Amino acid sequence: MVLVFGGAYQGKLVFALEQFGIRRDEVVEASFLEWDTAFHFALPAGVRAINHIHGLVRKLVLKGVDPVLAFAELAQQNPELVVLCDEMGSGVVPLDKEENEVREQVGKVLQAAAARSKEVYRVLCGIGMRVK
């Protein structure tokens, strides 16, 4: 697994496409993924990357599913995925309890993803910096 993270609109997708030779049709938007009750994601055939994993974390939190456990299952089933996620841990802490929970869970998923990943990149202004 490879993790690519950074602020919103910093060029993560373009970086990943170029860095890893991925075509746009090999990328799925995380918010389109559906989680079934057997802790399984059905990824479309040919998918090499998942974009906006924070959107999936939000969806799982709202459904009452532990996103860290869900992500562990996804990673185990798809060890070669490139995962892209917005960094949400900087800035103003949300006042809304639900939004704060999403932010916390995104941070936990990023920690788990970084631990599992063979490579981790932070992208800022379109420039990817390898941190692992």
N, C-alpha and C. Protein backbone atom coordinates (compact mmCIF):
# COMPACT_ATOMS: atom_id res chain seq x y z
N MET A 1 0.83 -1.18 0.00
CA MET A 1 0.00 0.00 0.00
C MET A 1 0.88 1.24 0.00
N VAL A 2 0.36 2.29 -0.62
CA VAL A 2 1.02 3.59 -0.63
C VAL A 2 -0.01 4.62 -0.17
N LEU A 3 0.40 5.49 0.72
CA LEU A 3 -0.46 6.56 1.22
C LEU A 3 0.03 7.90 0.68
N VAL A 4 -0.89 8.69 0.13
CA VAL A 4 -0.61 10.04 -0.34
C VAL A 4 -1.61 10.95 0.39
N PHE A 5 -1.08 11.88 1.18
CA PHE A 5 -1.97 12.77 1.92
C PHE A 5 -1.49 14.21 1.79
N GLY A 6 -2.35 15.14 2.14
CA GLY A 6 -2.02 16.56 2.11
C GLY A 6 -3.29 17.37 2.19
N GLY A 7 -3.16 18.67 2.18
CA GLY A 7 -4.31 19.55 2.26
C GLY A 7 -5.19 19.44 1.02
N ALA A 8 -6.40 19.96 1.15
CA ALA A 8 -7.33 19.95 0.02
C ALA A 8 -6.74 20.76 -1.14
N TYR A 9 -6.95 20.28 -2.33
CA TYR A 9 -6.57 20.97 -3.57
C TYR A 9 -5.06 21.23 -3.67
N GLN A 10 -4.27 20.30 -3.18
CA GLN A 10 -2.81 20.46 -3.22
C GLN A 10 -2.15 19.65 -4.33
N GLY A 11 -2.93 18.89 -5.11
CA GLY A 11 -2.36 18.17 -6.24
C GLY A 11 -2.05 16.70 -5.95
N LYS A 12 -2.70 16.13 -4.97
CA LYS A 12 -2.44 14.72 -4.60
C LYS A 12 -2.73 13.76 -5.74
N LEU A 13 -3.87 13.96 -6.40
CA LEU A 13 -4.26 13.02 -7.46
C LEU A 13 -3.29 13.09 -8.64
N VAL A 14 -2.97 14.27 -9.09
CA VAL A 14 -2.03 14.41 -10.21
C VAL A 14 -0.67 13.82 -9.84
N PHE A 15 -0.22 14.09 -8.62
CA PHE A 15 1.04 13.52 -8.15
C PHE A 15 0.99 11.99 -8.22
N ALA A 16 -0.07 11.39 -7.69
CA ALA A 16 -0.17 9.93 -7.66
C ALA A 16 -0.25 9.34 -9.07
N LEU A 17 -1.01 9.98 -9.95
CA LEU A 17 -1.11 9.48 -11.33
C LEU A 17 0.26 9.46 -11.99
N GLU A 18 1.01 10.53 -11.82
CA GLU A 18 2.33 10.61 -12.45
C GLU A 18 3.36 9.73 -11.75
N GLN A 19 3.38 9.76 -10.44
CA GLN A 19 4.39 9.03 -9.67
C GLN A 19 4.28 7.52 -9.84
N PHE A 20 3.05 7.02 -9.93
CA PHE A 20 2.85 5.57 -9.94
C PHE A 20 2.31 5.04 -11.26
N GLY A 21 2.24 5.89 -12.29
CA GLY A 21 1.81 5.44 -13.61
C GLY A 21 0.37 4.94 -13.62
N ILE A 22 -0.49 5.59 -12.86
CA ILE A 22 -1.89 5.21 -12.77
C ILE A 22 -2.70 6.04 -13.76
N ARG A 23 -3.63 5.39 -14.44
CA ARG A 23 -4.56 6.11 -15.32
C ARG A 23 -5.77 6.57 -14.51
N ARG A 24 -6.42 7.62 -14.96
CA ARG A 24 -7.58 8.17 -14.23
C ARG A 24 -8.70 7.15 -14.08
N ASP A 25 -8.86 6.26 -15.09
CA ASP A 25 -9.92 5.25 -15.00
C ASP A 25 -9.57 4.11 -14.04
N GLU A 26 -8.36 4.15 -13.46
CA GLU A 26 -7.96 3.17 -12.45
C GLU A 26 -8.11 3.71 -11.03
N VAL A 27 -8.76 4.89 -10.93
CA VAL A 27 -8.97 5.55 -9.65
C VAL A 27 -10.46 5.56 -9.35
N VAL A 28 -10.82 5.19 -8.13
CA VAL A 28 -12.22 5.25 -7.71
C VAL A 28 -12.34 6.30 -6.61
N GLU A 29 -13.46 7.02 -6.62
CA GLU A 29 -13.75 7.97 -5.57
C GLU A 29 -14.28 7.20 -4.36
N ALA A 30 -13.67 7.42 -3.21
CA ALA A 30 -14.02 6.65 -2.01
C ALA A 30 -15.49 6.78 -1.64
N SER A 31 -16.08 7.93 -1.87
CA SER A 31 -17.48 8.14 -1.48
C SER A 31 -18.43 7.25 -2.26
N PHE A 32 -17.99 6.68 -3.39
CA PHE A 32 -18.83 5.79 -4.18
C PHE A 32 -18.75 4.34 -3.70
N LEU A 33 -17.80 4.04 -2.81
CA LEU A 33 -17.66 2.66 -2.34
C LEU A 33 -18.77 2.34 -1.35
N GLU A 34 -19.24 1.12 -1.42
CA GLU A 34 -20.26 0.65 -0.49
C GLU A 34 -19.66 -0.43 0.40
N TRP A 35 -20.00 -0.35 1.65
CA TRP A 35 -19.51 -1.26 2.67
C TRP A 35 -20.63 -2.25 2.98
N ASP A 36 -20.32 -3.55 2.95
CA ASP A 36 -21.37 -4.50 3.31
C ASP A 36 -21.15 -5.00 4.74
N THR A 37 -22.07 -5.75 5.24
CA THR A 37 -22.03 -6.16 6.64
C THR A 37 -20.97 -7.21 6.94
N ALA A 38 -20.33 -7.74 5.91
CA ALA A 38 -19.27 -8.74 6.12
C ALA A 38 -17.89 -8.08 6.14
N PHE A 39 -17.84 -6.78 6.45
CA PHE A 39 -16.57 -6.05 6.47
C PHE A 39 -15.82 -6.21 5.16
N HIS A 40 -16.49 -5.85 4.09
CA HIS A 40 -15.91 -6.04 2.77
C HIS A 40 -16.29 -4.87 1.86
N PHE A 41 -15.32 -4.41 1.10
CA PHE A 41 -15.59 -3.41 0.07
C PHE A 41 -15.52 -4.11 -1.28
N ALA A 42 -16.44 -3.80 -2.14
CA ALA A 42 -16.40 -4.35 -3.49
C ALA A 42 -15.76 -3.30 -4.40
N LEU A 43 -14.47 -3.46 -4.64
CA LEU A 43 -13.79 -2.52 -5.54
C LEU A 43 -14.03 -2.93 -6.98
N PRO A 44 -14.29 -1.97 -7.85
CA PRO A 44 -14.43 -2.30 -9.26
C PRO A 44 -13.12 -2.90 -9.81
N ALA A 45 -13.25 -3.74 -10.81
CA ALA A 45 -12.08 -4.38 -11.43
C ALA A 45 -11.14 -3.31 -11.97
N GLY A 46 -9.86 -3.53 -11.81
CA GLY A 46 -8.85 -2.64 -12.37
C GLY A 46 -8.52 -1.42 -11.53
N VAL A 47 -9.12 -1.30 -10.37
CA VAL A 47 -8.85 -0.14 -9.52
C VAL A 47 -7.47 -0.27 -8.88
N ARG A 48 -6.66 0.78 -9.02
CA ARG A 48 -5.33 0.81 -8.42
C ARG A 48 -5.19 1.86 -7.34
N ALA A 49 -6.18 2.80 -7.29
CA ALA A 49 -6.10 3.88 -6.31
C ALA A 49 -7.50 4.27 -5.85
N ILE A 50 -7.55 4.75 -4.59
CA ILE A 50 -8.79 5.27 -4.03
C ILE A 50 -8.54 6.73 -3.63
N ASN A 51 -9.35 7.62 -4.19
CA ASN A 51 -9.21 9.05 -3.93
C ASN A 51 -10.21 9.49 -2.86
N HIS A 52 -9.83 10.45 -2.05
CA HIS A 52 -10.70 11.06 -1.03
C HIS A 52 -11.17 10.05 0.00
N ILE A 53 -10.25 9.29 0.57
CA ILE A 53 -10.61 8.28 1.57
C ILE A 53 -11.30 8.92 2.77
N HIS A 54 -11.05 10.20 3.01
CA HIS A 54 -11.73 10.89 4.12
C HIS A 54 -13.25 10.92 3.91
N GLY A 55 -13.70 10.92 2.67
CA GLY A 55 -15.14 10.87 2.38
C GLY A 55 -15.74 9.54 2.79
N LEU A 56 -14.98 8.47 2.62
CA LEU A 56 -15.43 7.16 3.05
C LEU A 56 -15.46 7.07 4.57
N VAL A 57 -14.47 7.65 5.22
CA VAL A 57 -14.45 7.66 6.69
C VAL A 57 -15.70 8.36 7.21
N ARG A 58 -16.05 9.49 6.63
CA ARG A 58 -17.26 10.22 7.03
C ARG A 58 -18.49 9.33 6.89
N LYS A 59 -18.60 8.67 5.75
CA LYS A 59 -19.75 7.80 5.47
C LYS A 59 -19.84 6.68 6.52
N LEU A 60 -18.70 6.07 6.86
CA LEU A 60 -18.69 4.99 7.83
C LEU A 60 -19.05 5.47 9.23
N VAL A 61 -18.51 6.62 9.62
CA VAL A 61 -18.83 7.18 10.94
C VAL A 61 -20.34 7.42 11.05
N LEU A 62 -20.93 7.97 10.02
CA LEU A 62 -22.37 8.25 10.03
C LEU A 62 -23.21 6.97 10.08
N LYS A 63 -22.65 5.85 9.56
CA LYS A 63 -23.35 4.57 9.62
C LYS A 63 -23.06 3.80 10.91
N GLY A 64 -22.16 4.35 11.74
CA GLY A 64 -21.82 3.67 12.99
C GLY A 64 -20.83 2.54 12.83
N VAL A 65 -20.08 2.53 11.73
CA VAL A 65 -19.06 1.51 11.46
C VAL A 65 -17.70 2.07 11.86
N ASP A 66 -16.88 1.27 12.51
CA ASP A 66 -15.53 1.69 12.90
C ASP A 66 -14.67 1.81 11.65
N PRO A 67 -14.29 3.02 11.25
CA PRO A 67 -13.52 3.18 10.01
C PRO A 67 -12.12 2.60 10.07
N VAL A 68 -11.52 2.52 11.25
CA VAL A 68 -10.18 1.92 11.36
C VAL A 68 -10.24 0.44 11.05
N LEU A 69 -11.24 -0.26 11.59
CA LEU A 69 -11.40 -1.69 11.29
C LEU A 69 -11.75 -1.90 9.82
N ALA A 70 -12.61 -1.05 9.29
CA ALA A 70 -12.99 -1.15 7.88
C ALA A 70 -11.78 -0.94 6.99
N PHE A 71 -10.98 0.07 7.31
CA PHE A 71 -9.79 0.34 6.50
C PHE A 71 -8.80 -0.81 6.58
N ALA A 72 -8.64 -1.41 7.75
CA ALA A 72 -7.73 -2.55 7.90
C ALA A 72 -8.15 -3.69 6.98
N GLU A 73 -9.45 -3.93 6.89
CA GLU A 73 -9.96 -4.97 6.00
C GLU A 73 -9.70 -4.62 4.54
N LEU A 74 -9.97 -3.37 4.19
CA LEU A 74 -9.71 -2.91 2.82
C LEU A 74 -8.23 -3.07 2.46
N ALA A 75 -7.35 -2.69 3.36
CA ALA A 75 -5.90 -2.79 3.12
C ALA A 75 -5.45 -4.24 3.00
N GLN A 76 -6.01 -5.09 3.83
CA GLN A 76 -5.64 -6.51 3.78
C GLN A 76 -6.08 -7.14 2.46
N GLN A 77 -7.25 -6.77 1.99
CA GLN A 77 -7.78 -7.33 0.74
C GLN A 77 -7.10 -6.74 -0.49
N ASN A 78 -6.50 -5.55 -0.35
CA ASN A 78 -5.95 -4.82 -1.51
C ASN A 78 -4.59 -4.21 -1.14
N PRO A 79 -3.57 -5.03 -0.93
CA PRO A 79 -2.30 -4.52 -0.41
C PRO A 79 -1.52 -3.62 -1.36
N GLU A 80 -1.87 -3.57 -2.63
CA GLU A 80 -1.13 -2.75 -3.59
C GLU A 80 -1.80 -1.42 -3.91
N LEU A 81 -2.87 -1.09 -3.21
CA LEU A 81 -3.60 0.15 -3.47
C LEU A 81 -2.78 1.39 -3.16
N VAL A 82 -3.04 2.44 -3.91
CA VAL A 82 -2.57 3.78 -3.58
C VAL A 82 -3.79 4.50 -3.00
N VAL A 83 -3.65 5.01 -1.79
CA VAL A 83 -4.76 5.64 -1.07
C VAL A 83 -4.47 7.13 -0.92
N LEU A 84 -5.42 7.98 -1.32
CA LEU A 84 -5.27 9.43 -1.23
C LEU A 84 -6.27 9.98 -0.23
N CYS A 85 -5.79 10.89 0.62
CA CYS A 85 -6.64 11.43 1.67
C CYS A 85 -6.28 12.87 1.97
N ASP A 86 -7.30 13.68 2.22
CA ASP A 86 -7.06 15.04 2.68
C ASP A 86 -6.63 15.01 4.14
N GLU A 87 -5.70 15.86 4.46
CA GLU A 87 -5.26 16.03 5.84
C GLU A 87 -6.29 16.92 6.53
N MET A 88 -6.82 16.47 7.65
CA MET A 88 -7.87 17.23 8.33
C MET A 88 -7.49 17.63 9.74
N GLY A 89 -6.30 17.30 10.19
CA GLY A 89 -5.93 17.52 11.58
C GLY A 89 -5.40 18.89 11.91
N SER A 90 -5.26 19.75 10.94
CA SER A 90 -4.74 21.09 11.20
C SER A 90 -5.89 22.09 11.14
N GLY A 91 -5.74 23.18 11.84
CA GLY A 91 -6.74 24.22 11.75
C GLY A 91 -7.70 24.24 12.92
N VAL A 92 -8.85 24.83 12.69
CA VAL A 92 -9.85 25.03 13.73
C VAL A 92 -10.55 23.71 14.05
N VAL A 93 -10.69 23.41 15.32
CA VAL A 93 -11.40 22.21 15.75
C VAL A 93 -12.90 22.47 15.58
N PRO A 94 -13.60 21.55 14.89
CA PRO A 94 -15.04 21.77 14.67
C PRO A 94 -15.82 21.79 15.99
N LEU A 95 -16.81 22.66 16.06
CA LEU A 95 -17.69 22.71 17.23
C LEU A 95 -18.71 21.58 17.21
N ASP A 96 -19.09 21.18 16.01
CA ASP A 96 -20.07 20.12 15.85
C ASP A 96 -19.47 18.78 16.27
N LYS A 97 -20.13 18.08 17.18
CA LYS A 97 -19.61 16.81 17.72
C LYS A 97 -19.36 15.78 16.61
N GLU A 98 -20.31 15.70 15.68
CA GLU A 98 -20.19 14.73 14.58
C GLU A 98 -18.98 15.05 13.70
N GLU A 99 -18.80 16.31 13.35
CA GLU A 99 -17.66 16.72 12.52
C GLU A 99 -16.33 16.48 13.25
N ASN A 100 -16.32 16.71 14.54
CA ASN A 100 -15.12 16.46 15.32
C ASN A 100 -14.79 14.96 15.33
N GLU A 101 -15.81 14.12 15.44
CA GLU A 101 -15.60 12.66 15.41
C GLU A 101 -15.05 12.22 14.05
N VAL A 102 -15.59 12.78 12.98
CA VAL A 102 -15.07 12.45 11.63
C VAL A 102 -13.61 12.83 11.54
N ARG A 103 -13.27 14.01 11.98
CA ARG A 103 -11.88 14.48 11.94
C ARG A 103 -10.96 13.55 12.73
N GLU A 104 -11.42 13.15 13.92
CA GLU A 104 -10.61 12.25 14.74
C GLU A 104 -10.43 10.90 14.06
N GLN A 105 -11.49 10.38 13.47
CA GLN A 105 -11.40 9.08 12.81
C GLN A 105 -10.53 9.13 11.55
N VAL A 106 -10.58 10.23 10.82
CA VAL A 106 -9.70 10.39 9.66
C VAL A 106 -8.24 10.33 10.13
N GLY A 107 -7.94 10.99 11.22
CA GLY A 107 -6.58 10.94 11.77
C GLY A 107 -6.16 9.53 12.14
N LYS A 108 -7.06 8.78 12.74
CA LYS A 108 -6.75 7.39 13.13
C LYS A 108 -6.55 6.50 11.90
N VAL A 109 -7.38 6.71 10.87
CA VAL A 109 -7.23 5.94 9.63
C VAL A 109 -5.90 6.29 8.96
N LEU A 110 -5.53 7.56 8.94
CA LEU A 110 -4.24 7.94 8.36
C LEU A 110 -3.08 7.32 9.12
N GLN A 111 -3.16 7.27 10.43
CA GLN A 111 -2.11 6.62 11.22
C GLN A 111 -2.00 5.14 10.87
N ALA A 112 -3.14 4.47 10.77
CA ALA A 112 -3.15 3.05 10.42
C ALA A 112 -2.62 2.83 9.00
N ALA A 113 -3.01 3.72 8.08
CA ALA A 113 -2.56 3.60 6.70
C ALA A 113 -1.05 3.82 6.60
N ALA A 114 -0.55 4.81 7.32
CA ALA A 114 0.89 5.07 7.30
C ALA A 114 1.67 3.89 7.86
N ALA A 115 1.16 3.28 8.91
CA ALA A 115 1.84 2.13 9.51
C ALA A 115 1.89 0.95 8.54
N ARG A 116 0.83 0.75 7.75
CA ARG A 116 0.76 -0.37 6.81
C ARG A 116 1.51 -0.12 5.50
N SER A 117 1.67 1.14 5.16
CA SER A 117 2.18 1.50 3.84
C SER A 117 3.68 1.32 3.72
N LYS A 118 4.10 0.88 2.53
CA LYS A 118 5.54 0.77 2.26
C LYS A 118 6.11 2.13 1.90
N GLU A 119 5.24 3.03 1.39
CA GLU A 119 5.64 4.39 1.05
C GLU A 119 4.54 5.35 1.50
N VAL A 120 4.95 6.52 2.03
CA VAL A 120 4.01 7.55 2.42
C VAL A 120 4.52 8.88 1.87
N TYR A 121 3.62 9.64 1.21
CA TYR A 121 3.98 10.93 0.63
C TYR A 121 3.04 12.01 1.16
N ARG A 122 3.59 13.16 1.46
CA ARG A 122 2.79 14.35 1.77
C ARG A 122 2.94 15.29 0.58
N VAL A 123 1.82 15.75 0.06
CA VAL A 123 1.83 16.62 -1.12
C VAL A 123 1.43 18.04 -0.72
N LEU A 124 2.26 18.98 -1.14
CA LEU A 124 2.01 20.39 -0.89
C LEU A 124 2.34 21.14 -2.17
N CYS A 125 1.40 21.90 -2.67
CA CYS A 125 1.60 22.66 -3.92
C CYS A 125 2.03 21.77 -5.08
N GLY A 126 1.49 20.56 -5.12
CA GLY A 126 1.81 19.63 -6.19
C GLY A 126 3.11 18.90 -6.06
N ILE A 127 3.86 19.17 -5.02
CA ILE A 127 5.15 18.53 -4.81
C ILE A 127 5.01 17.45 -3.75
N GLY A 128 5.35 16.24 -4.11
CA GLY A 128 5.26 15.13 -3.17
C GLY A 128 6.58 14.95 -2.42
N MET A 129 6.45 14.91 -1.11
CA MET A 129 7.63 14.69 -0.25
C MET A 129 7.48 13.33 0.41
N ARG A 130 8.44 12.46 0.17
CA ARG A 130 8.36 11.13 0.77
C ARG A 130 8.70 11.24 2.26
N VAL A 131 7.79 10.76 3.11
CA VAL A 131 8.03 10.78 4.55
C VAL A 131 8.24 9.38 5.11
N LYS A 132 8.02 8.37 4.29
CA LYS A 132 8.32 6.99 4.68
C LYS A 132 8.68 6.21 3.45
